[in-house]
Amino acid sequence: MGQDPNDIDSGTKSKPNAIALNREEPDKGAQIDLLLDRSDGMTTLCEIKYYDKTFVISKSYADSLLSKIQVYRQESKSKKSINLVLISSSGVLENEYSRQIVTKVIKAEDLIS
């Protein structure tokens, strides 16, 4: 059975949203593909990638992800802890950047199988 997108983390119920932050200054903003505002004091930011090969997080992409988290913290003023989940069609290559930033990787097939 596929994974319920509302239960991405620990079976905790959440409210899914997508969001664009800081629209007045787009070069300083962030687009978050899926935002789960969880009932357990956590927020899960989901980055969704479609590639025909395993996705690789480079240093510059890792910096971009960290920037999204920072913009979300500043704009939302939320005190919740933040997890970053990467949803990918072909998975993510584990490297120093993925280990530092990504809390969980979900392959698309996990959501629909």
N, C-alpha and C. Protein backbone atom coordinates (compact mmCIF):
# COMPACT_ATOMS: atom_id res chain seq x y z
N MET A 1 0.84 -1.18 0.00
CA MET A 1 0.00 0.00 0.00
C MET A 1 0.89 1.24 0.00
N GLY A 2 0.49 2.28 -0.70
CA GLY A 2 1.27 3.51 -0.79
C GLY A 2 1.29 4.29 0.51
N GLN A 3 2.24 5.18 0.61
CA GLN A 3 2.37 6.02 1.82
C GLN A 3 1.41 7.19 1.72
N ASP A 4 0.66 7.43 2.79
CA ASP A 4 -0.24 8.56 2.87
C ASP A 4 0.60 9.83 2.99
N PRO A 5 0.49 10.79 2.04
CA PRO A 5 1.32 11.99 2.11
C PRO A 5 1.09 12.81 3.38
N ASN A 6 -0.05 12.63 4.05
CA ASN A 6 -0.28 13.32 5.32
C ASN A 6 0.47 12.66 6.47
N ASP A 7 1.02 11.49 6.24
CA ASP A 7 1.73 10.75 7.28
C ASP A 7 3.21 10.56 6.93
N ILE A 8 3.82 11.53 6.29
CA ILE A 8 5.21 11.40 5.87
C ILE A 8 6.13 11.20 7.06
N ASP A 9 5.85 11.80 8.18
CA ASP A 9 6.72 11.68 9.34
C ASP A 9 5.97 11.10 10.52
N SER A 10 6.41 9.96 10.99
CA SER A 10 5.99 9.39 12.27
C SER A 10 4.49 9.18 12.42
N GLY A 11 3.75 9.07 11.34
CA GLY A 11 2.32 8.90 11.46
C GLY A 11 1.60 10.11 12.00
N THR A 12 2.25 11.26 12.04
CA THR A 12 1.68 12.48 12.58
C THR A 12 0.78 13.14 11.54
N LYS A 13 -0.40 13.52 11.92
CA LYS A 13 -1.30 14.21 11.00
C LYS A 13 -0.81 15.62 10.74
N SER A 14 -1.05 16.08 9.53
CA SER A 14 -0.56 17.40 9.14
C SER A 14 -1.49 18.02 8.12
N LYS A 15 -1.31 19.33 7.89
CA LYS A 15 -2.07 20.05 6.88
C LYS A 15 -1.12 20.37 5.73
N PRO A 16 -1.31 19.77 4.53
CA PRO A 16 -0.40 20.05 3.42
C PRO A 16 -0.70 21.39 2.75
N ASN A 17 0.36 22.07 2.34
CA ASN A 17 0.27 23.35 1.64
C ASN A 17 1.44 23.46 0.68
N ALA A 18 1.33 24.32 -0.32
CA ALA A 18 2.48 24.77 -1.12
C ALA A 18 2.56 26.27 -0.88
N ILE A 19 3.77 26.82 -0.98
CA ILE A 19 3.90 28.22 -0.59
C ILE A 19 5.04 28.89 -1.36
N ALA A 20 4.83 30.16 -1.67
CA ALA A 20 5.89 31.02 -2.20
C ALA A 20 6.08 32.13 -1.17
N LEU A 21 7.31 32.31 -0.73
CA LEU A 21 7.60 33.25 0.33
C LEU A 21 8.33 34.48 -0.20
N ASN A 22 8.05 35.62 0.40
CA ASN A 22 8.71 36.89 0.08
C ASN A 22 8.49 37.28 -1.38
N ARG A 23 7.25 37.44 -1.76
CA ARG A 23 6.91 37.78 -3.15
C ARG A 23 7.34 39.19 -3.53
N GLU A 24 7.52 40.06 -2.54
CA GLU A 24 7.93 41.43 -2.85
C GLU A 24 9.38 41.48 -3.36
N GLU A 25 10.19 40.56 -2.89
CA GLU A 25 11.59 40.48 -3.32
C GLU A 25 11.87 39.05 -3.76
N PRO A 26 11.44 38.67 -4.98
CA PRO A 26 11.55 37.28 -5.43
C PRO A 26 12.97 36.71 -5.40
N ASP A 27 13.98 37.57 -5.61
CA ASP A 27 15.35 37.06 -5.58
C ASP A 27 15.79 36.69 -4.17
N LYS A 28 15.03 37.11 -3.16
CA LYS A 28 15.32 36.76 -1.77
C LYS A 28 14.26 35.82 -1.21
N GLY A 29 13.39 35.33 -2.05
CA GLY A 29 12.29 34.49 -1.61
C GLY A 29 12.58 33.01 -1.78
N ALA A 30 11.55 32.21 -1.65
CA ALA A 30 11.69 30.76 -1.78
C ALA A 30 10.35 30.16 -2.18
N GLN A 31 10.41 29.15 -3.02
CA GLN A 31 9.22 28.37 -3.34
C GLN A 31 9.37 27.03 -2.65
N ILE A 32 8.38 26.68 -1.88
CA ILE A 32 8.38 25.39 -1.19
C ILE A 32 7.32 24.53 -1.86
N ASP A 33 7.75 23.37 -2.38
CA ASP A 33 6.85 22.52 -3.16
C ASP A 33 5.70 21.96 -2.34
N LEU A 34 6.00 21.53 -1.14
CA LEU A 34 4.97 20.99 -0.26
C LEU A 34 5.38 21.28 1.18
N LEU A 35 4.48 21.86 1.91
CA LEU A 35 4.73 22.24 3.30
C LEU A 35 3.72 21.50 4.18
N LEU A 36 4.22 20.75 5.15
CA LEU A 36 3.34 20.03 6.07
C LEU A 36 3.47 20.67 7.44
N ASP A 37 2.43 21.36 7.84
CA ASP A 37 2.37 21.99 9.16
C ASP A 37 1.81 20.94 10.11
N ARG A 38 2.68 20.30 10.85
CA ARG A 38 2.32 19.12 11.63
C ARG A 38 1.79 19.47 13.02
N SER A 39 1.04 18.55 13.57
CA SER A 39 0.42 18.75 14.88
C SER A 39 1.35 18.45 16.04
N ASP A 40 2.57 17.99 15.76
CA ASP A 40 3.49 17.61 16.82
C ASP A 40 4.62 18.63 17.05
N GLY A 41 4.42 19.87 16.59
CA GLY A 41 5.43 20.89 16.80
C GLY A 41 6.54 20.88 15.76
N MET A 42 6.33 20.18 14.67
CA MET A 42 7.31 20.09 13.59
C MET A 42 6.68 20.65 12.31
N THR A 43 7.53 21.12 11.42
CA THR A 43 7.12 21.50 10.07
C THR A 43 7.99 20.70 9.12
N THR A 44 7.37 20.09 8.12
CA THR A 44 8.12 19.34 7.12
C THR A 44 8.06 20.11 5.80
N LEU A 45 9.24 20.50 5.30
CA LEU A 45 9.35 21.13 4.00
C LEU A 45 9.71 20.03 3.01
N CYS A 46 8.92 19.88 1.96
CA CYS A 46 9.18 18.84 0.97
C CYS A 46 9.67 19.48 -0.32
N GLU A 47 10.76 18.98 -0.80
CA GLU A 47 11.31 19.38 -2.10
C GLU A 47 11.00 18.22 -3.03
N ILE A 48 10.38 18.50 -4.17
CA ILE A 48 9.97 17.45 -5.10
C ILE A 48 10.78 17.58 -6.38
N LYS A 49 11.46 16.47 -6.76
CA LYS A 49 12.32 16.47 -7.93
C LYS A 49 11.94 15.32 -8.85
N TYR A 50 11.85 15.62 -10.15
CA TYR A 50 11.61 14.58 -11.14
C TYR A 50 12.83 14.52 -12.06
N TYR A 51 13.56 13.43 -11.98
CA TYR A 51 14.71 13.17 -12.84
C TYR A 51 14.65 11.72 -13.27
N ASP A 52 15.19 11.42 -14.44
CA ASP A 52 15.20 10.03 -14.90
C ASP A 52 16.36 9.25 -14.30
N LYS A 53 17.25 9.93 -13.58
CA LYS A 53 18.37 9.28 -12.90
C LYS A 53 18.34 9.69 -11.43
N THR A 54 19.15 9.03 -10.65
CA THR A 54 19.26 9.37 -9.23
C THR A 54 19.66 10.83 -9.09
N PHE A 55 18.95 11.57 -8.26
CA PHE A 55 19.22 12.99 -8.06
C PHE A 55 20.43 13.16 -7.15
N VAL A 56 21.30 14.10 -7.51
CA VAL A 56 22.51 14.37 -6.73
C VAL A 56 22.42 15.79 -6.17
N ILE A 57 22.59 15.91 -4.86
CA ILE A 57 22.59 17.22 -4.22
C ILE A 57 24.02 17.76 -4.23
N SER A 58 24.23 18.84 -4.97
CA SER A 58 25.53 19.50 -5.04
C SER A 58 25.65 20.52 -3.90
N LYS A 59 26.81 21.09 -3.73
CA LYS A 59 27.00 22.12 -2.71
C LYS A 59 26.08 23.31 -2.98
N SER A 60 25.99 23.75 -4.25
CA SER A 60 25.15 24.92 -4.55
C SER A 60 23.67 24.60 -4.33
N TYR A 61 23.25 23.39 -4.65
CA TYR A 61 21.85 23.02 -4.41
C TYR A 61 21.58 22.90 -2.91
N ALA A 62 22.55 22.37 -2.16
CA ALA A 62 22.42 22.29 -0.70
C ALA A 62 22.28 23.70 -0.12
N ASP A 63 23.07 24.64 -0.62
CA ASP A 63 22.96 26.03 -0.17
C ASP A 63 21.58 26.60 -0.47
N SER A 64 21.03 26.25 -1.64
CA SER A 64 19.69 26.69 -2.01
C SER A 64 18.63 26.13 -1.05
N LEU A 65 18.77 24.88 -0.69
CA LEU A 65 17.83 24.26 0.26
C LEU A 65 17.93 24.92 1.63
N LEU A 66 19.15 25.17 2.08
CA LEU A 66 19.33 25.85 3.37
C LEU A 66 18.73 27.25 3.34
N SER A 67 18.84 27.91 2.19
CA SER A 67 18.25 29.24 2.03
C SER A 67 16.72 29.16 2.13
N LYS A 68 16.11 28.14 1.52
CA LYS A 68 14.65 27.97 1.62
C LYS A 68 14.22 27.82 3.07
N ILE A 69 14.97 27.04 3.82
CA ILE A 69 14.65 26.84 5.23
C ILE A 69 14.76 28.16 5.98
N GLN A 70 15.82 28.90 5.71
CA GLN A 70 16.03 30.18 6.39
C GLN A 70 14.92 31.17 6.04
N VAL A 71 14.55 31.26 4.76
CA VAL A 71 13.48 32.17 4.35
C VAL A 71 12.17 31.77 5.01
N TYR A 72 11.89 30.46 5.05
CA TYR A 72 10.66 30.00 5.70
C TYR A 72 10.64 30.42 7.17
N ARG A 73 11.75 30.20 7.87
CA ARG A 73 11.82 30.58 9.29
C ARG A 73 11.55 32.08 9.47
N GLN A 74 12.18 32.90 8.63
CA GLN A 74 12.04 34.36 8.74
C GLN A 74 10.62 34.81 8.40
N GLU A 75 10.06 34.29 7.34
CA GLU A 75 8.76 34.75 6.86
C GLU A 75 7.61 34.21 7.71
N SER A 76 7.72 32.97 8.16
CA SER A 76 6.62 32.36 8.91
C SER A 76 6.64 32.73 10.39
N LYS A 77 7.81 33.07 10.88
CA LYS A 77 7.99 33.36 12.31
C LYS A 77 7.63 32.14 13.18
N SER A 78 7.61 30.97 12.56
CA SER A 78 7.28 29.74 13.27
C SER A 78 8.41 29.33 14.20
N LYS A 79 8.06 28.81 15.35
CA LYS A 79 9.03 28.31 16.32
C LYS A 79 9.18 26.79 16.22
N LYS A 80 8.47 26.17 15.27
CA LYS A 80 8.53 24.72 15.12
C LYS A 80 9.87 24.27 14.55
N SER A 81 10.26 23.05 14.89
CA SER A 81 11.43 22.44 14.28
C SER A 81 11.10 22.13 12.83
N ILE A 82 12.12 22.12 11.98
CA ILE A 82 11.91 21.92 10.55
C ILE A 82 12.65 20.68 10.07
N ASN A 83 11.93 19.81 9.34
CA ASN A 83 12.50 18.66 8.64
C ASN A 83 12.48 18.97 7.16
N LEU A 84 13.47 18.47 6.43
CA LEU A 84 13.46 18.58 4.97
C LEU A 84 13.33 17.17 4.41
N VAL A 85 12.26 16.95 3.65
CA VAL A 85 12.03 15.67 2.99
C VAL A 85 12.17 15.89 1.50
N LEU A 86 12.92 15.02 0.83
CA LEU A 86 13.07 15.11 -0.61
C LEU A 86 12.28 13.98 -1.25
N ILE A 87 11.32 14.34 -2.09
CA ILE A 87 10.52 13.37 -2.83
C ILE A 87 11.07 13.36 -4.24
N SER A 88 11.50 12.19 -4.70
CA SER A 88 12.18 12.10 -5.98
C SER A 88 11.69 10.89 -6.77
N SER A 89 11.61 11.05 -8.08
CA SER A 89 11.17 9.95 -8.93
C SER A 89 12.17 8.80 -8.93
N SER A 90 13.46 9.10 -8.81
CA SER A 90 14.49 8.06 -8.90
C SER A 90 15.42 8.00 -7.70
N GLY A 91 15.03 8.58 -6.60
CA GLY A 91 15.86 8.54 -5.40
C GLY A 91 16.94 9.61 -5.40
N VAL A 92 17.73 9.61 -4.33
CA VAL A 92 18.77 10.61 -4.13
C VAL A 92 20.07 9.88 -3.79
N LEU A 93 21.14 10.30 -4.44
CA LEU A 93 22.45 9.76 -4.13
C LEU A 93 22.87 10.25 -2.75
N GLU A 94 23.23 9.34 -1.87
CA GLU A 94 23.67 9.77 -0.54
C GLU A 94 25.08 10.33 -0.65
N ASN A 95 25.25 11.56 -0.19
CA ASN A 95 26.56 12.20 -0.15
C ASN A 95 26.59 13.12 1.06
N GLU A 96 27.67 13.86 1.24
CA GLU A 96 27.80 14.70 2.43
C GLU A 96 26.67 15.72 2.54
N TYR A 97 26.19 16.23 1.41
CA TYR A 97 25.14 17.26 1.43
C TYR A 97 23.78 16.64 1.77
N SER A 98 23.48 15.50 1.18
CA SER A 98 22.19 14.87 1.50
C SER A 98 22.15 14.45 2.97
N ARG A 99 23.27 13.96 3.48
CA ARG A 99 23.31 13.54 4.90
C ARG A 99 23.15 14.73 5.84
N GLN A 100 23.67 15.89 5.47
CA GLN A 100 23.60 17.07 6.34
C GLN A 100 22.23 17.72 6.34
N ILE A 101 21.52 17.67 5.22
CA ILE A 101 20.32 18.49 5.05
C ILE A 101 19.02 17.69 5.03
N VAL A 102 19.01 16.58 4.35
CA VAL A 102 17.76 15.84 4.11
C VAL A 102 17.46 14.90 5.27
N THR A 103 16.27 15.05 5.84
CA THR A 103 15.82 14.19 6.94
C THR A 103 15.37 12.83 6.41
N LYS A 104 14.70 12.85 5.25
CA LYS A 104 14.14 11.62 4.71
C LYS A 104 14.03 11.76 3.20
N VAL A 105 14.24 10.65 2.48
CA VAL A 105 14.05 10.60 1.03
C VAL A 105 12.89 9.66 0.77
N ILE A 106 11.96 10.11 -0.06
CA ILE A 106 10.83 9.28 -0.46
C ILE A 106 10.84 9.19 -1.98
N LYS A 107 10.86 7.98 -2.50
CA LYS A 107 10.76 7.79 -3.95
C LYS A 107 9.29 7.86 -4.33
N ALA A 108 9.03 8.39 -5.51
CA ALA A 108 7.65 8.53 -5.98
C ALA A 108 6.89 7.20 -5.91
N GLU A 109 7.56 6.13 -6.21
CA GLU A 109 6.89 4.81 -6.18
C GLU A 109 6.40 4.44 -4.79
N ASP A 110 7.05 4.98 -3.75
CA ASP A 110 6.60 4.74 -2.38
C ASP A 110 5.23 5.35 -2.12
N LEU A 111 4.93 6.43 -2.82
CA LEU A 111 3.65 7.13 -2.62
C LEU A 111 2.51 6.47 -3.38
N ILE A 112 2.83 5.75 -4.45
CA ILE A 112 1.75 5.23 -5.30
C ILE A 112 1.70 3.72 -5.36
N SER A 113 2.63 3.02 -4.74
CA SER A 113 2.63 1.55 -4.84
C SER A 113 1.72 0.93 -3.81
